[in-house]
Every structure is written in structure tokens, then in C-alpha cells.
Amino acid sequence: MKEKIERQTLKKIKQYLFLTLGVFIMAFAFYFFVIPSEIVIGGTTGLAMVVNRYLPNLPISIIALFFNVLFLISALILIGKREFVRSIYGSLLFPAFLALFELTIPVPQFGGNDLLMISLYSGGLIGIGFAIVIHNGGTTGGTDIGVQIVQKYTRLTIASAIYVVEASIIILGAVTSPSGISSGFIAALYAIVIVFISGKVSDSFLLGVESKKALNIVTSVPKELKAAIFSSFNRGMTEIPSQGAYTEHPKTILIMVIHNSEYHFVKKIIHDVDPKAFVYVTPATEVQGEWSAKDEVYFYNAKGQRVKKTP
């Protein structure tokens, strides 16, 4: 019992260490790249940047903390205690890191004037930090809570609510730009680039760098097709007997998961063996269980015989 408690404690400590690392990386990207470039990319930090333009003596970290606390209270009242508890750590830690940077390095000059490079660096760092936070069950709070509130009290989907909230902040940042609306909308375009890159990077970390495809193959020659595929690829496959609804001819559905890079080769095999096969492909963003054969497996040889493959 004591060992179990110790393991759980160590797991919790590790989780919070990684949460801290993820939030630190995100705060670093914002303070040293995004904020000096006046690129408002959404979130409470984006709102804080807009307010700071009218209240320059008030640090962005304090304004961001105010908005985060406001959203936390809203979460407790409108969404529930669970989301409040889940969000409180990241919501308070992020502005704390910003405040630390403000006190130690008051005038950051990392990005220069190259907005494209700034977008690439900041997008990558924000994506990595966000992925670490999400992977360890955390959240940075802020407008993430606002999105959930909008979604709960409207008919919008989560994706639509995100677009509405974040786009509103980006547009607000553009029209309040101290360099003028024209420069503001140019910055807004780079904000979109940062959001896109950070999303792609976080997806790569959370779902895997090389995405996969799920193939559903409806064929009348399953034995020959399995033999051809297994002769080139060590992949698991599921076989489902079926029947054509119109022709009532017997068919077989073969289901398998492959890497994107393998699709062209599998597609050619299917076309060579059964040109009339009906195939549809869907993205497989997450795969669990044994889908790739390892060590000793069974496969079908060129004669359609099931043979045990040895190392």
C-alpha cells in the first residue's frame, strides 16, 4: 500500500514537472518572440497585449493574470469545479513566468524584424509547450475556458467556438495596432501562421510525426490480395465476410492500417491483384494495439497458403 502511494506521488510530481516545463516553453515563446513583435495570436496574452497598448505602465503579465483569474471564476460558476481545478495551475503559472521574464529581462530582442522567422520559432515552441501540457492532463486555461463557455451556451461546435473566440482577439489586435490598421492586419496574417504551425507541431507530438491511414478494401479475391500484401508488408489485417447489397455476390472486407509513406505501394498492389476492388481510405490519427507485425508472424505466400514467418 505504501509503495503504491509512493508511486502515485512520484507520478504526480513528474506530471507537474512536465506541466511546468510546457508552460515555461510557451511563456518563453510569447515573451521573447510574440510580444516584442506585436503579433496578437489570441488567448488571454493576446487580450493583455491589446489592453497594454492603452495602459502601457501596466505589465502584460498582470493583465494576463487578471483575465486568467476572470476566466477561472467563470469556469467555476458556469462550467463546474472539475474544469476549474484542471485549469488553475497553468492559468496562474503562465503569467508568473511572464512576470519573471519581465523582471529579469525587461527588453527582449530575440526576433529582430523578420516576422516570418519569428512566426516559425514561436509557432514551433508554442506547439511543443502546448503538447507537453495537454499530454500531462493540463491546460493553460484562459480563453480555453471561454471557448467551452461559448460552446456550452450556444449551438456552436468546439471547433467553431475556437474560431470565433480566437479570430475575435486576432482582429481586435489588428485594428488596435499602434503601427496602424494596415500593419495590424499584416501582423494578423503572421498570427494565423503561428497558430497553424503550433497546431501542426502539437498534433505531431500528440498523435505521432508520421500519421497513418486506415484502408478498407472490399474485394472478391481476398486470398490472393492478402498474399500479395503480406509478401511485402508485415501488417495486421482484419477480414470481414460481406455481401454486395445490389449484386448479392459474396465479398470480403479487408481492414488494415499503414503509414502514409506506404500507401502508394499498397495501392499499386491492390490495383494489380484486383482492379475492381472497392477501396476507401480514412486518416488514422491514433492507433492502439498491435497493428504492425513483430517477431514471428503468419503471412500468406504467393500460393495463398498461410505460413509462419520466422526471423
C-alpha atoms as a PDB file:
ATOM      1  CA  MET A   1       0.000   0.000   0.000  1.00  0.00           C
ATOM      2  CA  LYS A   2       2.833   2.360   0.945  1.00  0.00           C
ATOM      3  CA  GLU A   3       4.693   1.586  -2.305  1.00  0.00           C
ATOM      4  CA  LYS A   4       1.541   2.284  -4.304  1.00  0.00           C
ATOM      5  CA  ILE A   5       1.125   5.678  -2.626  1.00  0.00           C
ATOM      6  CA  GLU A   6       4.794   6.471  -3.291  1.00  0.00           C
ATOM      7  CA  ARG A   7       4.411   5.534  -6.973  1.00  0.00           C
ATOM      8  CA  GLN A   8       1.323   7.713  -7.288  1.00  0.00           C
ATOM      9  CA  THR A   9       3.134  10.591  -5.565  1.00  0.00           C
ATOM     10  CA  LEU A  10       6.151  10.281  -7.872  1.00  0.00           C
ATOM     11  CA  LYS A  11       3.829  10.096 -10.878  1.00  0.00           C
ATOM     12  CA  LYS A  12       2.053  13.258  -9.739  1.00  0.00           C
ATOM     13  CA  ILE A  13       5.367  15.065  -9.177  1.00  0.00           C
ATOM     14  CA  LYS A  14       6.574  14.027 -12.638  1.00  0.00           C
ATOM     15  CA  GLN A  15       3.283  15.192 -14.145  1.00  0.00           C
ATOM     16  CA  TYR A  16       3.564  18.639 -12.560  1.00  0.00           C
ATOM     17  CA  LEU A  17       7.229  18.949 -13.539  1.00  0.00           C
ATOM     18  CA  PHE A  18       6.302  18.363 -17.169  1.00  0.00           C
ATOM     19  CA  LEU A  19       3.337  20.728 -16.879  1.00  0.00           C
ATOM     20  CA  THR A  20       5.726  23.366 -15.557  1.00  0.00           C
ATOM     21  CA  LEU A  21       8.147  22.724 -18.431  1.00  0.00           C
ATOM     22  CA  GLY A  22       5.374  23.004 -21.021  1.00  0.00           C
ATOM     23  CA  VAL A  23       4.037  26.266 -19.596  1.00  0.00           C
ATOM     24  CA  PHE A  24       7.594  27.640 -19.348  1.00  0.00           C
ATOM     25  CA  ILE A  25       8.257  26.912 -23.042  1.00  0.00           C
ATOM     26  CA  MET A  26       5.015  28.631 -24.048  1.00  0.00           C
ATOM     27  CA  ALA A  27       5.727  31.670 -21.858  1.00  0.00           C
ATOM     28  CA  PHE A  28       9.269  31.848 -23.284  1.00  0.00           C
ATOM     29  CA  ALA A  29       7.923  31.856 -26.854  1.00  0.00           C
ATOM     30  CA  PHE A  30       5.387  34.570 -26.079  1.00  0.00           C
ATOM     31  CA  TYR A  31       7.749  36.855 -24.189  1.00  0.00           C
ATOM     32  CA  PHE A  32      10.793  36.636 -26.440  1.00  0.00           C
ATOM     33  CA  PHE A  33       9.130  36.330 -29.863  1.00  0.00           C
ATOM     34  CA  VAL A  34       5.415  37.133 -29.983  1.00  0.00           C
ATOM     35  CA  ILE A  35       5.060  40.103 -27.625  1.00  0.00           C
ATOM     36  CA  PRO A  36       8.042  42.165 -28.936  1.00  0.00           C
ATOM     37  CA  SER A  37       6.726  41.709 -32.491  1.00  0.00           C
ATOM     38  CA  GLU A  38       3.233  42.974 -31.590  1.00  0.00           C
ATOM     39  CA  ILE A  39       1.654  39.824 -33.049  1.00  0.00           C
ATOM     40  CA  VAL A  40      -1.644  39.159 -31.277  1.00  0.00           C
ATOM     41  CA  ILE A  41      -2.393  35.449 -31.724  1.00  0.00           C
ATOM     42  CA  GLY A  42      -5.349  35.105 -29.390  1.00  0.00           C
ATOM     43  CA  GLY A  43      -5.657  33.871 -25.828  1.00  0.00           C
ATOM     44  CA  THR A  44      -5.501  35.931 -22.661  1.00  0.00           C
ATOM     45  CA  THR A  45      -1.975  37.036 -23.552  1.00  0.00           C
ATOM     46  CA  GLY A  46      -3.344  38.483 -26.789  1.00  0.00           C
ATOM     47  CA  LEU A  47      -6.034  40.322 -24.840  1.00  0.00           C
ATOM     48  CA  ALA A  48      -3.372  41.528 -22.412  1.00  0.00           C
ATOM     49  CA  MET A  49      -1.270  42.864 -25.305  1.00  0.00           C
ATOM     50  CA  VAL A  50      -4.266  44.848 -26.588  1.00  0.00           C
ATOM     51  CA  VAL A  51      -5.019  46.327 -23.140  1.00  0.00           C
ATOM     52  CA  ASN A  52      -1.312  47.118 -22.637  1.00  0.00           C
ATOM     53  CA  ARG A  53      -1.435  49.372 -25.704  1.00  0.00           C
ATOM     54  CA  TYR A  54      -3.788  51.664 -23.775  1.00  0.00           C
ATOM     55  CA  LEU A  55      -2.261  51.057 -20.335  1.00  0.00           C
ATOM     56  CA  PRO A  56       1.478  50.822 -21.110  1.00  0.00           C
ATOM     57  CA  ASN A  57       2.522  51.183 -17.467  1.00  0.00           C
ATOM     58  CA  LEU A  58       0.628  48.021 -16.538  1.00  0.00           C
ATOM     59  CA  PRO A  59       2.742  44.876 -17.207  1.00  0.00           C
ATOM     60  CA  ILE A  60       1.332  42.329 -19.641  1.00  0.00           C
ATOM     61  CA  SER A  61       1.818  39.601 -17.022  1.00  0.00           C
ATOM     62  CA  ILE A  62      -0.513  41.386 -14.571  1.00  0.00           C
ATOM     63  CA  ILE A  63      -3.162  41.958 -17.244  1.00  0.00           C
ATOM     64  CA  ALA A  64      -2.913  38.313 -18.359  1.00  0.00           C
ATOM     65  CA  LEU A  65      -3.253  37.194 -14.736  1.00  0.00           C
ATOM     66  CA  PHE A  66      -6.381  39.340 -14.356  1.00  0.00           C
ATOM     67  CA  PHE A  67      -8.001  37.753 -17.428  1.00  0.00           C
ATOM     68  CA  ASN A  68      -6.975  34.243 -16.364  1.00  0.00           C
ATOM     69  CA  VAL A  69      -8.480  34.718 -12.897  1.00  0.00           C
ATOM     70  CA  LEU A  70     -11.625  36.120 -14.511  1.00  0.00           C
ATOM     71  CA  PHE A  71     -11.916  33.040 -16.722  1.00  0.00           C
ATOM     72  CA  LEU A  72     -11.224  30.736 -13.765  1.00  0.00           C
ATOM     73  CA  ILE A  73     -14.088  32.285 -11.803  1.00  0.00           C
ATOM     74  CA  SER A  74     -16.296  31.947 -14.888  1.00  0.00           C
ATOM     75  CA  ALA A  75     -15.313  28.276 -15.162  1.00  0.00           C
ATOM     76  CA  LEU A  76     -16.248  27.654 -11.538  1.00  0.00           C
ATOM     77  CA  ILE A  77     -19.648  29.328 -11.962  1.00  0.00           C
ATOM     78  CA  LEU A  78     -20.632  28.318 -15.497  1.00  0.00           C
ATOM     79  CA  ILE A  79     -18.820  25.049 -16.252  1.00  0.00           C
ATOM     80  CA  GLY A  80     -18.066  23.361 -12.963  1.00  0.00           C
ATOM     81  CA  LYS A  81     -15.450  22.636 -10.323  1.00  0.00           C
ATOM     82  CA  ARG A  82     -13.672  19.976 -12.374  1.00  0.00           C
ATOM     83  CA  GLU A  83     -12.613  22.371 -15.138  1.00  0.00           C
ATOM     84  CA  PHE A  84     -11.702  24.994 -12.531  1.00  0.00           C
ATOM     85  CA  VAL A  85      -9.302  22.611 -10.753  1.00  0.00           C
ATOM     86  CA  ARG A  86      -7.860  21.343 -14.043  1.00  0.00           C
ATOM     87  CA  SER A  87      -7.129  24.876 -15.266  1.00  0.00           C
ATOM     88  CA  ILE A  88      -5.904  26.645 -12.145  1.00  0.00           C
ATOM     89  CA  TYR A  89      -2.241  25.519 -12.257  1.00  0.00           C
ATOM     90  CA  GLY A  90      -1.490  26.570 -15.841  1.00  0.00           C
ATOM     91  CA  SER A  91      -3.629  29.706 -15.573  1.00  0.00           C
ATOM     92  CA  LEU A  92      -1.559  31.049 -12.682  1.00  0.00           C
ATOM     93  CA  LEU A  93       1.838  29.680 -13.727  1.00  0.00           C
ATOM     94  CA  PHE A  94       1.846  31.199 -17.233  1.00  0.00           C
ATOM     95  CA  PRO A  95       1.583  34.862 -16.105  1.00  0.00           C
ATOM     96  CA  ALA A  96       4.031  34.063 -13.289  1.00  0.00           C
ATOM     97  CA  PHE A  97       6.659  33.075 -15.855  1.00  0.00           C
ATOM     98  CA  LEU A  98       5.876  36.210 -17.876  1.00  0.00           C
ATOM     99  CA  ALA A  99       6.381  38.305 -14.728  1.00  0.00           C
ATOM    100  CA  LEU A 100       9.692  36.542 -14.062  1.00  0.00           C
ATOM    101  CA  PHE A 101      10.896  37.391 -17.572  1.00  0.00           C
ATOM    102  CA  GLU A 102       9.714  40.991 -17.209  1.00  0.00           C
ATOM    103  CA  LEU A 103      11.727  41.398 -14.009  1.00  0.00           C
ATOM    104  CA  THR A 104      14.915  39.736 -15.259  1.00  0.00           C
ATOM    105  CA  ILE A 105      14.993  40.628 -18.982  1.00  0.00           C
ATOM    106  CA  PRO A 106      12.902  43.792 -19.443  1.00  0.00           C
ATOM    107  CA  VAL A 107      13.703  44.390 -23.130  1.00  0.00           C
ATOM    108  CA  PRO A 108      13.789  41.110 -25.096  1.00  0.00           C
ATOM    109  CA  GLN A 109      15.335  41.305 -28.578  1.00  0.00           C
ATOM    110  CA  PHE A 110      15.315  37.728 -29.868  1.00  0.00           C
ATOM    111  CA  GLY A 111      13.293  38.006 -33.022  1.00  0.00           C
ATOM    112  CA  GLY A 112      14.576  41.111 -34.771  1.00  0.00           C
ATOM    113  CA  ASN A 113      12.337  42.323 -37.585  1.00  0.00           C
ATOM    114  CA  ASP A 114      11.970  39.066 -39.516  1.00  0.00           C
ATOM    115  CA  LEU A 115       8.323  38.265 -38.803  1.00  0.00           C
ATOM    116  CA  LEU A 116       8.440  35.018 -40.774  1.00  0.00           C
ATOM    117  CA  MET A 117      11.294  33.600 -38.683  1.00  0.00           C
ATOM    118  CA  ILE A 118       9.585  34.842 -35.535  1.00  0.00           C
ATOM    119  CA  SER A 119       6.418  33.029 -36.617  1.00  0.00           C
ATOM    120  CA  LEU A 120       8.322  29.798 -37.279  1.00  0.00           C
ATOM    121  CA  TYR A 121      10.220  29.837 -33.981  1.00  0.00           C
ATOM    122  CA  SER A 122       7.302  30.924 -31.818  1.00  0.00           C
ATOM    123  CA  GLY A 123       4.841  28.570 -33.522  1.00  0.00           C
ATOM    124  CA  GLY A 124       7.169  25.622 -33.008  1.00  0.00           C
ATOM    125  CA  LEU A 125       7.870  26.433 -29.369  1.00  0.00           C
ATOM    126  CA  ILE A 126       4.224  27.111 -28.521  1.00  0.00           C
ATOM    127  CA  GLY A 127       3.231  23.838 -30.199  1.00  0.00           C
ATOM    128  CA  ILE A 128       5.822  21.859 -28.226  1.00  0.00           C
ATOM    129  CA  GLY A 129       4.871  23.506 -24.932  1.00  0.00           C
ATOM    130  CA  PHE A 130       1.149  23.046 -25.527  1.00  0.00           C
ATOM    131  CA  ALA A 131       1.628  19.365 -26.436  1.00  0.00           C
ATOM    132  CA  ILE A 132       3.571  18.751 -23.209  1.00  0.00           C
ATOM    133  CA  VAL A 133       0.826  20.434 -21.163  1.00  0.00           C
ATOM    134  CA  ILE A 134      -2.021  18.519 -22.831  1.00  0.00           C
ATOM    135  CA  HIS A 135      -0.131  15.193 -22.733  1.00  0.00           C
ATOM    136  CA  ASN A 136       0.173  15.546 -18.964  1.00  0.00           C
ATOM    137  CA  GLY A 137      -3.506  16.304 -18.457  1.00  0.00           C
ATOM    138  CA  GLY A 138      -3.205  20.054 -18.012  1.00  0.00           C
ATOM    139  CA  THR A 139      -4.447  23.205 -19.671  1.00  0.00           C
ATOM    140  CA  THR A 140      -3.275  26.801 -19.848  1.00  0.00           C
ATOM    141  CA  GLY A 141      -6.806  27.965 -19.017  1.00  0.00           C
ATOM    142  CA  GLY A 142      -7.606  31.442 -20.305  1.00  0.00           C
ATOM    143  CA  THR A 143      -9.647  31.523 -23.484  1.00  0.00           C
ATOM    144  CA  ASP A 144      -9.753  27.705 -23.492  1.00  0.00           C
ATOM    145  CA  ILE A 145     -12.344  28.204 -20.768  1.00  0.00           C
ATOM    146  CA  GLY A 146     -14.015  30.946 -22.806  1.00  0.00           C
ATOM    147  CA  VAL A 147     -14.330  28.544 -25.728  1.00  0.00           C
ATOM    148  CA  GLN A 148     -16.061  25.967 -23.513  1.00  0.00           C
ATOM    149  CA  ILE A 149     -18.459  28.604 -22.192  1.00  0.00           C
ATOM    150  CA  VAL A 150     -19.335  29.761 -25.723  1.00  0.00           C
ATOM    151  CA  GLN A 151     -19.805  26.159 -26.830  1.00  0.00           C
ATOM    152  CA  LYS A 152     -21.988  25.315 -23.825  1.00  0.00           C
ATOM    153  CA  TYR A 153     -24.383  28.241 -24.192  1.00  0.00           C
ATOM    154  CA  THR A 154     -24.593  28.344 -27.996  1.00  0.00           C
ATOM    155  CA  ARG A 155     -25.134  25.777 -30.713  1.00  0.00           C
ATOM    156  CA  LEU A 156     -21.565  26.110 -31.935  1.00  0.00           C
ATOM    157  CA  THR A 157     -19.235  23.118 -32.070  1.00  0.00           C
ATOM    158  CA  ILE A 158     -15.941  23.254 -30.148  1.00  0.00           C
ATOM    159  CA  ALA A 159     -14.041  23.971 -33.382  1.00  0.00           C
ATOM    160  CA  SER A 160     -16.413  26.800 -34.336  1.00  0.00           C
ATOM    161  CA  ALA A 161     -16.243  28.265 -30.822  1.00  0.00           C
ATOM    162  CA  ILE A 162     -12.431  28.273 -31.015  1.00  0.00           C
ATOM    163  CA  TYR A 163     -12.536  30.085 -34.357  1.00  0.00           C
ATOM    164  CA  VAL A 164     -14.991  32.687 -33.032  1.00  0.00           C
ATOM    165  CA  VAL A 165     -13.056  33.442 -29.827  1.00  0.00           C
ATOM    166  CA  GLU A 166      -9.527  33.395 -31.253  1.00  0.00           C
ATOM    167  CA  ALA A 167     -10.432  35.188 -34.503  1.00  0.00           C
ATOM    168  CA  SER A 168     -12.133  37.946 -32.499  1.00  0.00           C
ATOM    169  CA  ILE A 169      -8.952  38.527 -30.487  1.00  0.00           C
ATOM    170  CA  ILE A 170      -6.729  38.479 -33.598  1.00  0.00           C
ATOM    171  CA  ILE A 171      -8.984  41.022 -35.352  1.00  0.00           C
ATOM    172  CA  LEU A 172      -9.047  43.164 -32.205  1.00  0.00           C
ATOM    173  CA  GLY A 173      -5.256  43.087 -32.190  1.00  0.00           C
ATOM    174  CA  ALA A 174      -5.159  44.145 -35.848  1.00  0.00           C
ATOM    175  CA  VAL A 175      -7.484  47.144 -35.533  1.00  0.00           C
ATOM    176  CA  THR A 176      -5.749  48.410 -32.373  1.00  0.00           C
ATOM    177  CA  SER A 177      -2.205  48.082 -33.726  1.00  0.00           C
ATOM    178  CA  PRO A 178      -0.042  51.084 -32.731  1.00  0.00           C
ATOM    179  CA  SER A 179       1.528  50.974 -36.213  1.00  0.00           C
ATOM    180  CA  GLY A 180      -1.827  51.386 -37.947  1.00  0.00           C
ATOM    181  CA  ILE A 181      -4.528  49.066 -39.254  1.00  0.00           C
ATOM    182  CA  SER A 182      -2.507  48.127 -42.349  1.00  0.00           C
ATOM    183  CA  SER A 183       0.443  46.898 -40.267  1.00  0.00           C
ATOM    184  CA  GLY A 184      -2.027  45.350 -37.846  1.00  0.00           C
ATOM    185  CA  PHE A 185      -3.579  43.135 -40.487  1.00  0.00           C
ATOM    186  CA  ILE A 186      -0.132  42.089 -41.722  1.00  0.00           C
ATOM    187  CA  ALA A 187       0.627  41.046 -38.135  1.00  0.00           C
ATOM    188  CA  ALA A 188      -2.724  39.216 -38.096  1.00  0.00           C
ATOM    189  CA  LEU A 189      -1.612  37.146 -41.098  1.00  0.00           C
ATOM    190  CA  TYR A 190       1.531  36.137 -39.219  1.00  0.00           C
ATOM    191  CA  ALA A 191      -0.655  35.351 -36.217  1.00  0.00           C
ATOM    192  CA  ILE A 192      -2.533  32.852 -38.383  1.00  0.00           C
ATOM    193  CA  VAL A 193       0.817  31.351 -39.448  1.00  0.00           C
ATOM    194  CA  ILE A 194       1.839  30.942 -35.793  1.00  0.00           C
ATOM    195  CA  VAL A 195      -1.493  29.328 -34.892  1.00  0.00           C
ATOM    196  CA  PHE A 196      -1.211  26.948 -37.870  1.00  0.00           C
ATOM    197  CA  ILE A 197       2.386  25.939 -37.093  1.00  0.00           C
ATOM    198  CA  SER A 198       1.742  25.491 -33.373  1.00  0.00           C
ATOM    199  CA  GLY A 199      -1.288  23.316 -34.165  1.00  0.00           C
ATOM    200  CA  LYS A 200       0.691  21.123 -36.558  1.00  0.00           C
ATOM    201  CA  VAL A 201       3.609  20.775 -34.143  1.00  0.00           C
ATOM    202  CA  SER A 202       1.379  19.897 -31.175  1.00  0.00           C
ATOM    203  CA  ASP A 203      -0.536  17.365 -33.307  1.00  0.00           C
ATOM    204  CA  SER A 204       2.763  15.789 -34.362  1.00  0.00           C
ATOM    205  CA  PHE A 205       3.832  15.395 -30.735  1.00  0.00           C
ATOM    206  CA  LEU A 206       0.455  14.162 -29.501  1.00  0.00           C
ATOM    207  CA  LEU A 207      -0.539  11.953 -32.441  1.00  0.00           C
ATOM    208  CA  GLY A 208       2.827  10.993 -33.909  1.00  0.00           C
ATOM    209  CA  VAL A 209       5.036  12.605 -36.507  1.00  0.00           C
ATOM    210  CA  GLU A 210       4.137  10.140 -39.233  1.00  0.00           C
ATOM    211  CA  SER A 211       0.374   9.823 -39.495  1.00  0.00           C
ATOM    212  CA  LYS A 212      -1.310   6.656 -40.643  1.00  0.00           C
ATOM    213  CA  LYS A 213      -4.137   5.608 -42.917  1.00  0.00           C
ATOM    214  CA  ALA A 214      -6.839   3.016 -42.388  1.00  0.00           C
ATOM    215  CA  LEU A 215      -7.599   1.056 -45.556  1.00  0.00           C
ATOM    216  CA  ASN A 216     -10.970  -0.611 -46.086  1.00  0.00           C
ATOM    217  CA  ILE A 217     -10.763  -2.927 -49.086  1.00  0.00           C
ATOM    218  CA  VAL A 218     -13.854  -4.673 -50.459  1.00  0.00           C
ATOM    219  CA  THR A 219     -12.667  -7.497 -52.701  1.00  0.00           C
ATOM    220  CA  SER A 220     -13.847 -10.735 -54.285  1.00  0.00           C
ATOM    221  CA  VAL A 221     -10.344 -12.283 -54.217  1.00  0.00           C
ATOM    222  CA  PRO A 222      -9.269 -11.897 -50.573  1.00  0.00           C
ATOM    223  CA  LYS A 223      -6.835 -14.819 -50.527  1.00  0.00           C
ATOM    224  CA  GLU A 224      -4.789 -13.537 -53.465  1.00  0.00           C
ATOM    225  CA  LEU A 225      -4.865  -9.960 -52.199  1.00  0.00           C
ATOM    226  CA  LYS A 226      -3.756 -10.937 -48.691  1.00  0.00           C
ATOM    227  CA  ALA A 227      -0.907 -12.985 -50.123  1.00  0.00           C
ATOM    228  CA  ALA A 228       0.297 -10.075 -52.243  1.00  0.00           C
ATOM    229  CA  ILE A 229       0.115  -7.554 -49.395  1.00  0.00           C
ATOM    230  CA  PHE A 230       1.685  -9.817 -46.761  1.00  0.00           C
ATOM    231  CA  SER A 231       4.563 -10.667 -49.086  1.00  0.00           C
ATOM    232  CA  SER A 232       5.632  -7.006 -48.930  1.00  0.00           C
ATOM    233  CA  PHE A 233       4.301  -5.681 -45.608  1.00  0.00           C
ATOM    234  CA  ASN A 234       4.242  -7.069 -42.076  1.00  0.00           C
ATOM    235  CA  ARG A 235       0.938  -5.545 -41.079  1.00  0.00           C
ATOM    236  CA  GLY A 236      -2.009  -6.826 -39.125  1.00  0.00           C
ATOM    237  CA  MET A 237      -5.252  -7.175 -41.056  1.00  0.00           C
ATOM    238  CA  THR A 238      -8.888  -7.850 -40.189  1.00  0.00           C
ATOM    239  CA  GLU A 239     -11.064  -9.902 -42.530  1.00  0.00           C
ATOM    240  CA  ILE A 240     -14.851  -9.479 -42.540  1.00  0.00           C
ATOM    241  CA  PRO A 241     -17.146 -11.602 -44.756  1.00  0.00           C
ATOM    242  CA  SER A 242     -19.703  -9.433 -46.539  1.00  0.00           C
ATOM    243  CA  GLN A 243     -22.108  -9.335 -49.453  1.00  0.00           C
ATOM    244  CA  GLY A 244     -22.844  -6.806 -52.169  1.00  0.00           C
ATOM    245  CA  ALA A 245     -26.212  -5.187 -51.443  1.00  0.00           C
ATOM    246  CA  TYR A 246     -27.140  -4.826 -55.114  1.00  0.00           C
ATOM    247  CA  THR A 247     -25.431  -7.834 -56.728  1.00  0.00           C
ATOM    248  CA  GLU A 248     -25.727 -10.063 -53.639  1.00  0.00           C
ATOM    249  CA  HIS A 249     -22.347 -11.501 -54.612  1.00  0.00           C
ATOM    250  CA  PRO A 250     -20.108 -12.643 -51.732  1.00  0.00           C
ATOM    251  CA  LYS A 251     -17.379 -10.164 -50.846  1.00  0.00           C
ATOM    252  CA  THR A 252     -14.707  -9.774 -48.196  1.00  0.00           C
ATOM    253  CA  ILE A 253     -13.723  -6.564 -46.411  1.00  0.00           C
ATOM    254  CA  LEU A 254     -10.040  -6.325 -45.523  1.00  0.00           C
ATOM    255  CA  ILE A 255      -9.139  -3.654 -42.959  1.00  0.00           C
ATOM    256  CA  MET A 256      -5.552  -2.627 -42.292  1.00  0.00           C
ATOM    257  CA  VAL A 257      -3.550   0.352 -41.019  1.00  0.00           C
ATOM    258  CA  ILE A 258      -0.430   1.561 -42.823  1.00  0.00           C
ATOM    259  CA  HIS A 259       1.960   4.501 -42.732  1.00  0.00           C
ATOM    260  CA  ASN A 260       1.262   7.322 -45.172  1.00  0.00           C
ATOM    261  CA  SER A 261       4.547   6.574 -46.916  1.00  0.00           C
ATOM    262  CA  GLU A 262       3.371   3.005 -47.640  1.00  0.00           C
ATOM    263  CA  TYR A 263       0.043   3.942 -49.209  1.00  0.00           C
ATOM    264  CA  HIS A 264       1.335   4.303 -52.780  1.00  0.00           C
ATOM    265  CA  PHE A 265       2.817   0.787 -52.729  1.00  0.00           C
ATOM    266  CA  VAL A 266      -0.242  -0.860 -51.180  1.00  0.00           C
ATOM    267  CA  LYS A 267      -2.470   0.956 -53.661  1.00  0.00           C
ATOM    268  CA  LYS A 268      -0.429  -0.472 -56.557  1.00  0.00           C
ATOM    269  CA  ILE A 269      -0.654  -3.998 -55.117  1.00  0.00           C
ATOM    270  CA  ILE A 270      -4.435  -3.725 -54.818  1.00  0.00           C
ATOM    271  CA  HIS A 271      -4.740  -2.440 -58.388  1.00  0.00           C
ATOM    272  CA  ASP A 272      -2.527  -5.228 -59.765  1.00  0.00           C
ATOM    273  CA  VAL A 273      -4.318  -8.053 -57.932  1.00  0.00           C
ATOM    274  CA  ASP A 274      -7.921  -6.817 -58.005  1.00  0.00           C
ATOM    275  CA  PRO A 275      -8.518  -3.763 -60.231  1.00  0.00           C
ATOM    276  CA  LYS A 276     -12.244  -3.926 -59.397  1.00  0.00           C
ATOM    277  CA  ALA A 277     -11.721  -3.760 -55.628  1.00  0.00           C
ATOM    278  CA  PHE A 278     -13.636  -1.018 -53.846  1.00  0.00           C
ATOM    279  CA  VAL A 279     -11.256   0.872 -51.552  1.00  0.00           C
ATOM    280  CA  TYR A 280     -11.854   3.772 -49.217  1.00  0.00           C
ATOM    281  CA  VAL A 281      -9.201   5.370 -47.033  1.00  0.00           C
ATOM    282  CA  THR A 282      -9.568   7.323 -43.784  1.00  0.00           C
ATOM    283  CA  PRO A 283      -6.966   9.095 -41.616  1.00  0.00           C
ATOM    284  CA  ALA A 284      -5.945   7.069 -38.548  1.00  0.00           C
ATOM    285  CA  THR A 285      -4.811   9.765 -36.131  1.00  0.00           C
ATOM    286  CA  GLU A 286      -4.376   7.347 -33.237  1.00  0.00           C
ATOM    287  CA  VAL A 287      -3.689   3.617 -33.327  1.00  0.00           C
ATOM    288  CA  GLN A 288      -3.600   1.347 -30.286  1.00  0.00           C
ATOM    289  CA  GLY A 289      -2.817  -2.334 -30.053  1.00  0.00           C
ATOM    290  CA  GLU A 290      -0.737  -4.498 -32.381  1.00  0.00           C
ATOM    291  CA  TRP A 291      -1.156  -3.240 -35.920  1.00  0.00           C
ATOM    292  CA  SER A 292       2.428  -3.826 -37.055  1.00  0.00           C
ATOM    293  CA  ALA A 293       3.658  -7.395 -37.020  1.00  0.00           C
ATOM    294  CA  LYS A 294       6.768  -8.036 -34.948  1.00  0.00           C
ATOM    295  CA  ASP A 295       8.995 -11.036 -34.433  1.00  0.00           C
ATOM    296  CA  GLU A 296       7.194 -14.223 -35.518  1.00  0.00           C
ATOM    297  CA  VAL A 297       4.027 -13.737 -37.588  1.00  0.00           C
ATOM    298  CA  TYR A 298       1.800 -15.596 -40.005  1.00  0.00           C
ATOM    299  CA  PHE A 299       1.609 -14.475 -43.612  1.00  0.00           C
ATOM    300  CA  TYR A 300       0.232 -15.707 -46.937  1.00  0.00           C
ATOM    301  CA  ASN A 301       2.674 -16.791 -49.627  1.00  0.00           C
ATOM    302  CA  ALA A 302       2.228 -16.403 -53.384  1.00  0.00           C
ATOM    303  CA  LYS A 303       0.103 -19.573 -53.479  1.00  0.00           C
ATOM    304  CA  GLY A 304      -2.289 -18.210 -50.894  1.00  0.00           C
ATOM    305  CA  GLN A 305      -1.003 -20.578 -48.195  1.00  0.00           C
ATOM    306  CA  ARG A 306      -0.819 -19.433 -44.567  1.00  0.00           C
ATOM    307  CA  VAL A 307       2.800 -19.774 -43.483  1.00  0.00           C
ATOM    308  CA  LYS A 308       4.598 -18.955 -40.248  1.00  0.00           C
ATOM    309  CA  LYS A 309       7.281 -16.328 -40.816  1.00  0.00           C
ATOM    310  CA  THR A 310      10.413 -16.792 -38.716  1.00  0.00           C
ATOM    311  CA  PRO A 311      13.192 -14.240 -38.065  1.00  0.00           C
END
